[in-house]
Amino acid sequence: MELRELRVFVAVAEEGGMSAAARRLHVSQSALSQTVTALERQLGVKLLVRSSTGVRTTEAGAVLLSEARAVIARHDQAVRTMAALTAQGADTLRLGIPLELPADLLTPVLAELSRACPDTRVLARHLPTAAQLAALHADELDVGLMRERPAGPEFDAMLVVRENLGVLLAAEQAAELAGPRGVRLEALGGLEWIGFPRSGSPAWWDEITSVLRGHGLEIGPDPGEGEPVIAEVKLAAVTTGRAFALAPPNWAQPIPETVVWSPLVGDPLVRRTWAVWPAHSRRRDVGHFIAAFEQPASP
């Protein structure tokens, strides 16, 4: 069992239904159902009883729910504990990175850091923007790569990459909607946006949804707390022909033949990633890490 599968099962069991759990995790109901079904098949037991009013756990499901909660709590505590231990080491640079970071962004930066500071070890953690900011405040990170620039004087920031987002569509839809310059955003009306919980990056979520609504698209309610949607779930939802996802042209995830990436006409959505670090930091390795990024153009 994977931790992701356990988190999905816990969400479904706690919410008492696929619809509520899908809103909580910001994934499609079909993707959740497939995950739970695969988990039942893997374990060889029925975990949930489904009905028109929702779901409830079986006896085996109740046992797994208890165990899953404990496993998730132990995992999260282990991450916090190890972060606290490594925080004391001057030769460890604790780096926060978001999902879907351009594959070639960090390679030259880390190579330059290794040359300038050979004793520095980089400890990277996948975290959404809000979690990175909280970790920086708690002195659990030295540098964060975020989708938003924090306000105020407490942190310094530098724009390190700008990505014009395009759209992922089912191949048949892409053939109908794409013109010579790509897909017009307003042409996506009636499709569900497969995005991410607002809690992970509030300002970026607000920017995206404002642009989508400005082009006549309806956006479902924010699911609240939840994990970022992984690439495999996005692609599975897009393949159904009822949803679309946003992605840059150099998206690292392999795209199946049933899905097509197209640019958006006019590039209405630009994803920015900022390197953020405490303004009071005087660490030499942090300075070399930041300096290794090429100076970007103004946003």
C-alpha atoms as a PDB file:
ATOM      1  CA  MET A   1       0.000   0.000   0.000  1.00  0.00           C
ATOM      2  CA  GLU A   2       1.130   3.508  -0.776  1.00  0.00           C
ATOM      3  CA  LEU A   3       0.690   6.448   1.569  1.00  0.00           C
ATOM      4  CA  ARG A   4      -1.358   8.202  -1.121  1.00  0.00           C
ATOM      5  CA  GLU A   5      -3.831   5.288  -1.213  1.00  0.00           C
ATOM      6  CA  LEU A   6      -4.206   5.379   2.558  1.00  0.00           C
ATOM      7  CA  ARG A   7      -4.880   9.126   2.494  1.00  0.00           C
ATOM      8  CA  VAL A   8      -7.561   8.597  -0.149  1.00  0.00           C
ATOM      9  CA  PHE A   9      -9.224   5.819   1.860  1.00  0.00           C
ATOM     10  CA  VAL A  10      -9.190   7.891   5.060  1.00  0.00           C
ATOM     11  CA  ALA A  11     -10.754  10.850   3.244  1.00  0.00           C
ATOM     12  CA  VAL A  12     -13.558   8.706   1.794  1.00  0.00           C
ATOM     13  CA  ALA A  13     -14.251   7.012   5.127  1.00  0.00           C
ATOM     14  CA  GLU A  14     -14.217  10.265   7.108  1.00  0.00           C
ATOM     15  CA  GLU A  15     -16.363  12.182   4.619  1.00  0.00           C
ATOM     16  CA  GLY A  16     -18.847   9.331   4.241  1.00  0.00           C
ATOM     17  CA  GLY A  17     -19.038   9.633   0.467  1.00  0.00           C
ATOM     18  CA  MET A  18     -17.056   9.855  -2.739  1.00  0.00           C
ATOM     19  CA  SER A  19     -18.379  13.294  -3.655  1.00  0.00           C
ATOM     20  CA  ALA A  20     -17.330  14.962  -0.396  1.00  0.00           C
ATOM     21  CA  ALA A  21     -13.966  13.179  -0.433  1.00  0.00           C
ATOM     22  CA  ALA A  22     -13.393  14.266  -4.031  1.00  0.00           C
ATOM     23  CA  ARG A  23     -13.994  17.891  -3.033  1.00  0.00           C
ATOM     24  CA  ARG A  24     -11.672  17.501  -0.056  1.00  0.00           C
ATOM     25  CA  LEU A  25      -8.841  16.049  -2.159  1.00  0.00           C
ATOM     26  CA  HIS A  26      -9.751  18.001  -5.299  1.00  0.00           C
ATOM     27  CA  VAL A  27      -9.776  14.942  -7.540  1.00  0.00           C
ATOM     28  CA  SER A  28     -12.504  13.317  -9.591  1.00  0.00           C
ATOM     29  CA  GLN A  29     -14.913  10.847  -8.005  1.00  0.00           C
ATOM     30  CA  SER A  30     -13.954   8.251 -10.597  1.00  0.00           C
ATOM     31  CA  ALA A  31     -10.275   8.518  -9.636  1.00  0.00           C
ATOM     32  CA  LEU A  32     -11.153   8.072  -5.943  1.00  0.00           C
ATOM     33  CA  SER A  33     -13.389   5.102  -6.687  1.00  0.00           C
ATOM     34  CA  GLN A  34     -10.644   3.470  -8.756  1.00  0.00           C
ATOM     35  CA  THR A  35      -8.130   3.956  -5.942  1.00  0.00           C
ATOM     36  CA  VAL A  36     -10.425   2.426  -3.316  1.00  0.00           C
ATOM     37  CA  THR A  37     -11.349  -0.469  -5.608  1.00  0.00           C
ATOM     38  CA  ALA A  38      -7.670  -1.155  -6.313  1.00  0.00           C
ATOM     39  CA  LEU A  39      -6.957  -1.088  -2.576  1.00  0.00           C
ATOM     40  CA  GLU A  40      -9.749  -3.590  -1.897  1.00  0.00           C
ATOM     41  CA  ARG A  41      -8.449  -5.837  -4.661  1.00  0.00           C
ATOM     42  CA  GLN A  42      -4.902  -5.573  -3.315  1.00  0.00           C
ATOM     43  CA  LEU A  43      -5.954  -6.456   0.244  1.00  0.00           C
ATOM     44  CA  GLY A  44      -8.530  -9.043  -0.780  1.00  0.00           C
ATOM     45  CA  VAL A  45     -11.264  -7.613   1.478  1.00  0.00           C
ATOM     46  CA  LYS A  46     -14.233  -5.293   1.089  1.00  0.00           C
ATOM     47  CA  LEU A  47     -13.515  -2.003   2.818  1.00  0.00           C
ATOM     48  CA  LEU A  48     -16.608   0.064   2.094  1.00  0.00           C
ATOM     49  CA  VAL A  49     -20.317  -0.552   1.701  1.00  0.00           C
ATOM     50  CA  ARG A  50     -21.666   1.788  -0.955  1.00  0.00           C
ATOM     51  CA  SER A  51     -25.265   3.002  -1.049  1.00  0.00           C
ATOM     52  CA  SER A  52     -27.322   5.818  -2.528  1.00  0.00           C
ATOM     53  CA  THR A  53     -26.731   7.863   0.629  1.00  0.00           C
ATOM     54  CA  GLY A  54     -22.953   7.452   0.752  1.00  0.00           C
ATOM     55  CA  VAL A  55     -20.483   4.910   2.069  1.00  0.00           C
ATOM     56  CA  ARG A  56     -19.690   3.288   5.386  1.00  0.00           C
ATOM     57  CA  THR A  57     -16.788   1.138   6.433  1.00  0.00           C
ATOM     58  CA  THR A  58     -17.040  -2.601   6.794  1.00  0.00           C
ATOM     59  CA  GLU A  59     -15.476  -4.281   9.811  1.00  0.00           C
ATOM     60  CA  ALA A  60     -12.248  -4.681   7.818  1.00  0.00           C
ATOM     61  CA  GLY A  61     -12.542  -1.085   6.659  1.00  0.00           C
ATOM     62  CA  ALA A  62     -12.845   0.187  10.226  1.00  0.00           C
ATOM     63  CA  VAL A  63      -9.674  -1.693  11.158  1.00  0.00           C
ATOM     64  CA  LEU A  64      -7.817  -0.259   8.160  1.00  0.00           C
ATOM     65  CA  LEU A  65      -9.103   3.247   8.957  1.00  0.00           C
ATOM     66  CA  SER A  66      -7.586   3.080  12.422  1.00  0.00           C
ATOM     67  CA  GLU A  67      -4.308   1.682  11.118  1.00  0.00           C
ATOM     68  CA  ALA A  68      -4.152   4.158   8.228  1.00  0.00           C
ATOM     69  CA  ARG A  69      -4.640   7.139  10.521  1.00  0.00           C
ATOM     70  CA  ALA A  70      -1.819   5.865  12.715  1.00  0.00           C
ATOM     71  CA  VAL A  71       0.511   5.288   9.748  1.00  0.00           C
ATOM     72  CA  ILE A  72      -0.165   8.758   8.336  1.00  0.00           C
ATOM     73  CA  ALA A  73       0.372  10.372  11.739  1.00  0.00           C
ATOM     74  CA  ARG A  74       3.649   8.476  12.227  1.00  0.00           C
ATOM     75  CA  HIS A  75       4.829   9.424   8.729  1.00  0.00           C
ATOM     76  CA  ASP A  76       4.071  13.104   9.241  1.00  0.00           C
ATOM     77  CA  GLN A  77       5.707  13.075  12.670  1.00  0.00           C
ATOM     78  CA  ALA A  78       8.816  11.405  11.236  1.00  0.00           C
ATOM     79  CA  VAL A  79       9.072  14.120   8.587  1.00  0.00           C
ATOM     80  CA  ARG A  80       8.800  16.837  11.244  1.00  0.00           C
ATOM     81  CA  THR A  81      11.311  15.098  13.505  1.00  0.00           C
ATOM     82  CA  MET A  82      13.916  14.653  10.788  1.00  0.00           C
ATOM     83  CA  ALA A  83      13.446  18.242   9.668  1.00  0.00           C
ATOM     84  CA  ALA A  84      14.082  19.391  13.240  1.00  0.00           C
ATOM     85  CA  LEU A  85      17.225  17.240  13.497  1.00  0.00           C
ATOM     86  CA  THR A  86      18.706  18.454  10.230  1.00  0.00           C
ATOM     87  CA  ALA A  87      17.900  22.061  11.087  1.00  0.00           C
ATOM     88  CA  GLN A  88      20.898  22.137  13.384  1.00  0.00           C
ATOM     89  CA  GLY A  89      23.393  21.138  10.716  1.00  0.00           C
ATOM     90  CA  ALA A  90      25.080  24.116   9.032  1.00  0.00           C
ATOM     91  CA  ASP A  91      26.076  21.826   6.142  1.00  0.00           C
ATOM     92  CA  THR A  92      22.492  20.880   5.303  1.00  0.00           C
ATOM     93  CA  LEU A  93      20.466  23.172   3.072  1.00  0.00           C
ATOM     94  CA  ARG A  94      16.788  22.412   3.612  1.00  0.00           C
ATOM     95  CA  LEU A  95      14.916  23.131   0.402  1.00  0.00           C
ATOM     96  CA  GLY A  96      11.167  23.200  -0.236  1.00  0.00           C
ATOM     97  CA  ILE A  97      10.011  22.434  -3.762  1.00  0.00           C
ATOM     98  CA  PRO A  98       6.520  22.346  -5.294  1.00  0.00           C
ATOM     99  CA  LEU A  99       5.090  19.679  -7.534  1.00  0.00           C
ATOM    100  CA  GLU A 100       5.683  20.099 -11.271  1.00  0.00           C
ATOM    101  CA  LEU A 101       8.915  22.051 -10.980  1.00  0.00           C
ATOM    102  CA  PRO A 102      10.628  22.262 -14.412  1.00  0.00           C
ATOM    103  CA  ALA A 103      12.920  19.246 -14.681  1.00  0.00           C
ATOM    104  CA  ASP A 104      15.972  21.230 -15.789  1.00  0.00           C
ATOM    105  CA  LEU A 105      15.631  24.128 -13.347  1.00  0.00           C
ATOM    106  CA  LEU A 106      17.572  22.737 -10.392  1.00  0.00           C
ATOM    107  CA  THR A 107      20.235  20.668 -12.155  1.00  0.00           C
ATOM    108  CA  PRO A 108      22.665  23.534 -12.990  1.00  0.00           C
ATOM    109  CA  VAL A 109      21.884  25.269  -9.695  1.00  0.00           C
ATOM    110  CA  LEU A 110      22.741  22.220  -7.614  1.00  0.00           C
ATOM    111  CA  ALA A 111      25.840  21.585  -9.708  1.00  0.00           C
ATOM    112  CA  GLU A 112      27.079  25.122  -9.006  1.00  0.00           C
ATOM    113  CA  LEU A 113      26.252  24.767  -5.312  1.00  0.00           C
ATOM    114  CA  SER A 114      28.206  21.509  -5.178  1.00  0.00           C
ATOM    115  CA  ARG A 115      31.199  23.199  -6.781  1.00  0.00           C
ATOM    116  CA  ALA A 116      31.104  26.246  -4.495  1.00  0.00           C
ATOM    117  CA  CYS A 117      30.101  24.449  -1.280  1.00  0.00           C
ATOM    118  CA  PRO A 118      31.129  20.788  -1.577  1.00  0.00           C
ATOM    119  CA  ASP A 119      30.308  20.068   2.084  1.00  0.00           C
ATOM    120  CA  THR A 120      26.695  21.202   1.785  1.00  0.00           C
ATOM    121  CA  ARG A 121      24.062  18.484   1.547  1.00  0.00           C
ATOM    122  CA  VAL A 122      20.683  19.429   0.074  1.00  0.00           C
ATOM    123  CA  LEU A 123      17.622  17.992   1.798  1.00  0.00           C
ATOM    124  CA  ALA A 124      14.588  18.579  -0.464  1.00  0.00           C
ATOM    125  CA  ARG A 125      10.939  18.271   0.584  1.00  0.00           C
ATOM    126  CA  HIS A 126       7.881  18.395  -1.679  1.00  0.00           C
ATOM    127  CA  LEU A 127       5.581  20.980  -0.108  1.00  0.00           C
ATOM    128  CA  PRO A 128       2.899  23.353  -1.404  1.00  0.00           C
ATOM    129  CA  THR A 129       3.500  27.075  -1.064  1.00  0.00           C
ATOM    130  CA  ALA A 130       1.537  27.607   2.150  1.00  0.00           C
ATOM    131  CA  ALA A 131       3.328  24.715   3.867  1.00  0.00           C
ATOM    132  CA  GLN A 132       6.706  26.044   2.726  1.00  0.00           C
ATOM    133  CA  LEU A 133       5.949  29.471   4.139  1.00  0.00           C
ATOM    134  CA  ALA A 134       4.924  27.940   7.464  1.00  0.00           C
ATOM    135  CA  ALA A 135       8.136  25.862   7.491  1.00  0.00           C
ATOM    136  CA  LEU A 136      10.241  28.965   6.803  1.00  0.00           C
ATOM    137  CA  HIS A 137       8.550  30.760   9.696  1.00  0.00           C
ATOM    138  CA  ALA A 138       9.266  27.743  11.925  1.00  0.00           C
ATOM    139  CA  ASP A 139      12.923  27.595  10.803  1.00  0.00           C
ATOM    140  CA  GLU A 140      12.349  24.174   9.245  1.00  0.00           C
ATOM    141  CA  LEU A 141      13.437  25.307   5.745  1.00  0.00           C
ATOM    142  CA  ASP A 142      16.342  27.439   4.538  1.00  0.00           C
ATOM    143  CA  VAL A 143      14.976  28.155   1.045  1.00  0.00           C
ATOM    144  CA  GLY A 144      11.566  27.622  -0.518  1.00  0.00           C
ATOM    145  CA  LEU A 145      10.572  27.521  -4.181  1.00  0.00           C
ATOM    146  CA  MET A 146       7.052  28.953  -4.147  1.00  0.00           C
ATOM    147  CA  ARG A 147       4.249  29.908  -6.513  1.00  0.00           C
ATOM    148  CA  GLU A 148       3.719  33.174  -4.605  1.00  0.00           C
ATOM    149  CA  ARG A 149       6.008  35.909  -3.309  1.00  0.00           C
ATOM    150  CA  PRO A 150       5.435  36.505   0.427  1.00  0.00           C
ATOM    151  CA  ALA A 151       4.573  40.032   1.480  1.00  0.00           C
ATOM    152  CA  GLY A 152       6.561  41.964   4.069  1.00  0.00           C
ATOM    153  CA  PRO A 153      10.243  42.398   4.947  1.00  0.00           C
ATOM    154  CA  GLU A 154      10.783  39.075   6.727  1.00  0.00           C
ATOM    155  CA  PHE A 155      11.787  37.204   3.569  1.00  0.00           C
ATOM    156  CA  ASP A 156      13.784  37.995   0.464  1.00  0.00           C
ATOM    157  CA  ALA A 157      12.634  36.575  -2.858  1.00  0.00           C
ATOM    158  CA  MET A 158      13.786  36.207  -6.458  1.00  0.00           C
ATOM    159  CA  LEU A 159      11.779  35.139  -9.468  1.00  0.00           C
ATOM    160  CA  VAL A 160      13.478  32.062 -10.907  1.00  0.00           C
ATOM    161  CA  VAL A 161      11.128  30.839 -13.654  1.00  0.00           C
ATOM    162  CA  ARG A 162       8.033  31.924 -15.581  1.00  0.00           C
ATOM    163  CA  GLU A 163       5.946  29.309 -17.415  1.00  0.00           C
ATOM    164  CA  ASN A 164       3.163  30.001 -19.889  1.00  0.00           C
ATOM    165  CA  LEU A 165       0.562  27.379 -19.061  1.00  0.00           C
ATOM    166  CA  GLY A 166      -1.240  25.408 -21.741  1.00  0.00           C
ATOM    167  CA  VAL A 167      -4.095  22.952 -21.454  1.00  0.00           C
ATOM    168  CA  LEU A 168      -4.288  19.160 -21.311  1.00  0.00           C
ATOM    169  CA  LEU A 169      -7.348  17.748 -23.095  1.00  0.00           C
ATOM    170  CA  ALA A 170      -8.602  14.403 -24.292  1.00  0.00           C
ATOM    171  CA  ALA A 171      -7.287  13.901 -27.830  1.00  0.00           C
ATOM    172  CA  GLU A 172     -10.731  14.057 -29.483  1.00  0.00           C
ATOM    173  CA  GLN A 173     -11.607  17.298 -27.688  1.00  0.00           C
ATOM    174  CA  ALA A 174      -8.262  18.849 -28.546  1.00  0.00           C
ATOM    175  CA  ALA A 175      -8.859  18.097 -32.220  1.00  0.00           C
ATOM    176  CA  GLU A 176     -12.192  19.947 -32.037  1.00  0.00           C
ATOM    177  CA  LEU A 177     -11.140  22.924 -29.900  1.00  0.00           C
ATOM    178  CA  ALA A 178      -7.564  23.692 -30.955  1.00  0.00           C
ATOM    179  CA  GLY A 179      -6.982  26.279 -33.661  1.00  0.00           C
ATOM    180  CA  PRO A 180      -3.757  27.355 -35.394  1.00  0.00           C
ATOM    181  CA  ARG A 181      -2.592  29.238 -32.279  1.00  0.00           C
ATOM    182  CA  GLY A 182      -3.959  26.834 -29.700  1.00  0.00           C
ATOM    183  CA  VAL A 183      -7.090  26.635 -27.557  1.00  0.00           C
ATOM    184  CA  ARG A 184      -9.094  29.657 -26.465  1.00  0.00           C
ATOM    185  CA  LEU A 185      -9.773  29.588 -22.750  1.00  0.00           C
ATOM    186  CA  GLU A 186     -13.470  30.311 -23.211  1.00  0.00           C
ATOM    187  CA  ALA A 187     -13.771  27.180 -25.375  1.00  0.00           C
ATOM    188  CA  LEU A 188     -13.285  25.057 -22.242  1.00  0.00           C
ATOM    189  CA  GLY A 189     -16.705  25.941 -20.861  1.00  0.00           C
ATOM    190  CA  GLY A 190     -18.560  22.934 -19.493  1.00  0.00           C
ATOM    191  CA  LEU A 191     -15.370  21.084 -18.537  1.00  0.00           C
ATOM    192  CA  GLU A 192     -14.150  20.616 -14.967  1.00  0.00           C
ATOM    193  CA  TRP A 193     -10.824  22.189 -14.025  1.00  0.00           C
ATOM    194  CA  ILE A 194      -8.557  19.645 -12.312  1.00  0.00           C
ATOM    195  CA  GLY A 195      -6.502  21.930 -10.123  1.00  0.00           C
ATOM    196  CA  PHE A 196      -5.341  21.962  -6.524  1.00  0.00           C
ATOM    197  CA  PRO A 197      -6.733  22.940  -3.095  1.00  0.00           C
ATOM    198  CA  ARG A 198      -6.697  26.691  -2.461  1.00  0.00           C
ATOM    199  CA  SER A 199      -5.110  26.064   0.938  1.00  0.00           C
ATOM    200  CA  GLY A 200      -1.890  24.982  -0.795  1.00  0.00           C
ATOM    201  CA  SER A 201      -1.302  28.282  -2.602  1.00  0.00           C
ATOM    202  CA  PRO A 202      -4.105  30.795  -1.968  1.00  0.00           C
ATOM    203  CA  ALA A 203      -2.913  33.727  -4.097  1.00  0.00           C
ATOM    204  CA  TRP A 204      -2.045  31.523  -7.086  1.00  0.00           C
ATOM    205  CA  TRP A 205      -5.400  29.688  -6.817  1.00  0.00           C
ATOM    206  CA  ASP A 206      -7.204  33.027  -6.715  1.00  0.00           C
ATOM    207  CA  GLU A 207      -5.298  34.243  -9.774  1.00  0.00           C
ATOM    208  CA  ILE A 208      -6.093  31.126 -11.799  1.00  0.00           C
ATOM    209  CA  THR A 209      -9.771  31.019 -10.864  1.00  0.00           C
ATOM    210  CA  SER A 210     -10.162  34.751 -11.535  1.00  0.00           C
ATOM    211  CA  VAL A 211      -8.790  34.314 -15.058  1.00  0.00           C
ATOM    212  CA  LEU A 212     -10.930  31.225 -15.699  1.00  0.00           C
ATOM    213  CA  ARG A 213     -14.088  32.934 -14.465  1.00  0.00           C
ATOM    214  CA  GLY A 214     -13.187  36.006 -16.504  1.00  0.00           C
ATOM    215  CA  HIS A 215     -13.383  33.806 -19.610  1.00  0.00           C
ATOM    216  CA  GLY A 216     -16.795  32.442 -18.681  1.00  0.00           C
ATOM    217  CA  LEU A 217     -15.733  29.169 -17.040  1.00  0.00           C
ATOM    218  CA  GLU A 218     -17.550  27.860 -13.978  1.00  0.00           C
ATOM    219  CA  ILE A 219     -15.291  26.832 -11.105  1.00  0.00           C
ATOM    220  CA  GLY A 220     -16.464  24.347  -8.525  1.00  0.00           C
ATOM    221  CA  PRO A 221     -16.162  25.043  -4.796  1.00  0.00           C
ATOM    222  CA  ASP A 222     -12.750  24.965  -3.222  1.00  0.00           C
ATOM    223  CA  PRO A 223     -12.293  21.543  -1.582  1.00  0.00           C
ATOM    224  CA  GLY A 224     -10.536  23.124   1.401  1.00  0.00           C
ATOM    225  CA  GLU A 225      -7.787  21.060   2.965  1.00  0.00           C
ATOM    226  CA  GLY A 226      -6.302  18.346   0.793  1.00  0.00           C
ATOM    227  CA  GLU A 227      -3.234  17.090  -0.993  1.00  0.00           C
ATOM    228  CA  PRO A 228      -2.033  18.398  -4.367  1.00  0.00           C
ATOM    229  CA  VAL A 229      -3.376  16.435  -7.323  1.00  0.00           C
ATOM    230  CA  ILE A 230      -0.665  14.175  -8.731  1.00  0.00           C
ATOM    231  CA  ALA A 231      -0.016  13.959 -12.466  1.00  0.00           C
ATOM    232  CA  GLU A 232      -1.462  10.456 -12.895  1.00  0.00           C
ATOM    233  CA  VAL A 233      -4.798  11.558 -11.411  1.00  0.00           C
ATOM    234  CA  LYS A 234      -4.898  14.635 -13.657  1.00  0.00           C
ATOM    235  CA  LEU A 235      -4.308  12.546 -16.760  1.00  0.00           C
ATOM    236  CA  ALA A 236      -6.919   9.977 -15.748  1.00  0.00           C
ATOM    237  CA  ALA A 237      -9.520  12.722 -15.248  1.00  0.00           C
ATOM    238  CA  VAL A 238      -8.651  14.440 -18.540  1.00  0.00           C
ATOM    239  CA  THR A 239      -8.897  11.165 -20.454  1.00  0.00           C
ATOM    240  CA  THR A 240     -12.596  10.909 -19.561  1.00  0.00           C
ATOM    241  CA  GLY A 241     -13.301  13.931 -21.772  1.00  0.00           C
ATOM    242  CA  ARG A 242     -15.101  15.769 -18.960  1.00  0.00           C
ATOM    243  CA  ALA A 243     -12.188  17.746 -17.553  1.00  0.00           C
ATOM    244  CA  PHE A 244      -9.101  19.754 -18.396  1.00  0.00           C
ATOM    245  CA  ALA A 245      -5.834  20.435 -16.597  1.00  0.00           C
ATOM    246  CA  LEU A 246      -3.219  23.147 -16.916  1.00  0.00           C
ATOM    247  CA  ALA A 247       0.425  22.356 -17.620  1.00  0.00           C
ATOM    248  CA  PRO A 248       3.522  24.032 -19.100  1.00  0.00           C
ATOM    249  CA  PRO A 249       4.881  22.968 -22.520  1.00  0.00           C
ATOM    250  CA  ASN A 250       7.853  21.195 -20.929  1.00  0.00           C
ATOM    251  CA  TRP A 251       5.766  19.198 -18.437  1.00  0.00           C
ATOM    252  CA  ALA A 252       7.996  16.446 -17.073  1.00  0.00           C
ATOM    253  CA  GLN A 253       5.205  13.850 -16.859  1.00  0.00           C
ATOM    254  CA  PRO A 254       4.891  11.556 -19.939  1.00  0.00           C
ATOM    255  CA  ILE A 255       1.606  12.292 -21.721  1.00  0.00           C
ATOM    256  CA  PRO A 256      -0.310   9.289 -23.115  1.00  0.00           C
ATOM    257  CA  GLU A 257      -1.627   9.229 -26.679  1.00  0.00           C
ATOM    258  CA  THR A 258      -5.178   9.757 -25.385  1.00  0.00           C
ATOM    259  CA  VAL A 259      -4.236  13.211 -24.048  1.00  0.00           C
ATOM    260  CA  VAL A 260      -2.970  16.241 -25.967  1.00  0.00           C
ATOM    261  CA  TRP A 261      -1.255  19.394 -24.696  1.00  0.00           C
ATOM    262  CA  SER A 262      -2.106  22.641 -26.495  1.00  0.00           C
ATOM    263  CA  PRO A 263      -1.054  26.249 -25.836  1.00  0.00           C
ATOM    264  CA  LEU A 264      -3.661  28.741 -24.680  1.00  0.00           C
ATOM    265  CA  VAL A 265      -4.275  31.578 -27.106  1.00  0.00           C
ATOM    266  CA  GLY A 266      -2.776  34.779 -25.724  1.00  0.00           C
ATOM    267  CA  ASP A 267      -0.991  33.037 -22.824  1.00  0.00           C
ATOM    268  CA  PRO A 268      -3.551  34.197 -20.233  1.00  0.00           C
ATOM    269  CA  LEU A 269      -2.022  32.120 -17.415  1.00  0.00           C
ATOM    270  CA  VAL A 270       1.612  32.517 -16.360  1.00  0.00           C
ATOM    271  CA  ARG A 271       2.919  30.405 -13.483  1.00  0.00           C
ATOM    272  CA  ARG A 272       5.748  32.037 -11.554  1.00  0.00           C
ATOM    273  CA  THR A 273       8.112  30.296  -9.153  1.00  0.00           C
ATOM    274  CA  TRP A 274      10.014  32.326  -6.587  1.00  0.00           C
ATOM    275  CA  ALA A 275      13.044  31.408  -4.514  1.00  0.00           C
ATOM    276  CA  VAL A 276      12.300  32.635  -0.985  1.00  0.00           C
ATOM    277  CA  TRP A 277      14.655  32.751   1.998  1.00  0.00           C
ATOM    278  CA  PRO A 278      14.874  34.560   5.368  1.00  0.00           C
ATOM    279  CA  ALA A 279      16.067  38.139   4.936  1.00  0.00           C
ATOM    280  CA  HIS A 280      18.408  37.757   7.911  1.00  0.00           C
ATOM    281  CA  SER A 281      20.173  34.692   6.472  1.00  0.00           C
ATOM    282  CA  ARG A 282      23.928  35.085   6.109  1.00  0.00           C
ATOM    283  CA  ARG A 283      24.678  31.506   5.122  1.00  0.00           C
ATOM    284  CA  ARG A 284      27.248  31.206   2.375  1.00  0.00           C
ATOM    285  CA  ASP A 285      25.628  28.141   0.797  1.00  0.00           C
ATOM    286  CA  VAL A 286      22.224  29.838   0.643  1.00  0.00           C
ATOM    287  CA  GLY A 287      23.859  32.790  -1.092  1.00  0.00           C
ATOM    288  CA  HIS A 288      25.513  30.541  -3.680  1.00  0.00           C
ATOM    289  CA  PHE A 289      22.277  28.620  -4.214  1.00  0.00           C
ATOM    290  CA  ILE A 290      20.307  31.799  -4.922  1.00  0.00           C
ATOM    291  CA  ALA A 291      23.046  33.324  -7.073  1.00  0.00           C
ATOM    292  CA  ALA A 292      23.177  30.193  -9.233  1.00  0.00           C
ATOM    293  CA  PHE A 293      19.777  30.974 -10.720  1.00  0.00           C
ATOM    294  CA  GLU A 294      19.935  33.121 -13.809  1.00  0.00           C
ATOM    295  CA  GLN A 295      18.500  36.559 -13.210  1.00  0.00           C
ATOM    296  CA  PRO A 296      14.961  36.337 -14.670  1.00  0.00           C
ATOM    297  CA  ALA A 297      13.087  38.969 -16.555  1.00  0.00           C
ATOM    298  CA  SER A 298      10.695  41.160 -14.612  1.00  0.00           C
ATOM    299  CA  PRO A 299       7.253  39.614 -14.102  1.00  0.00           C
END
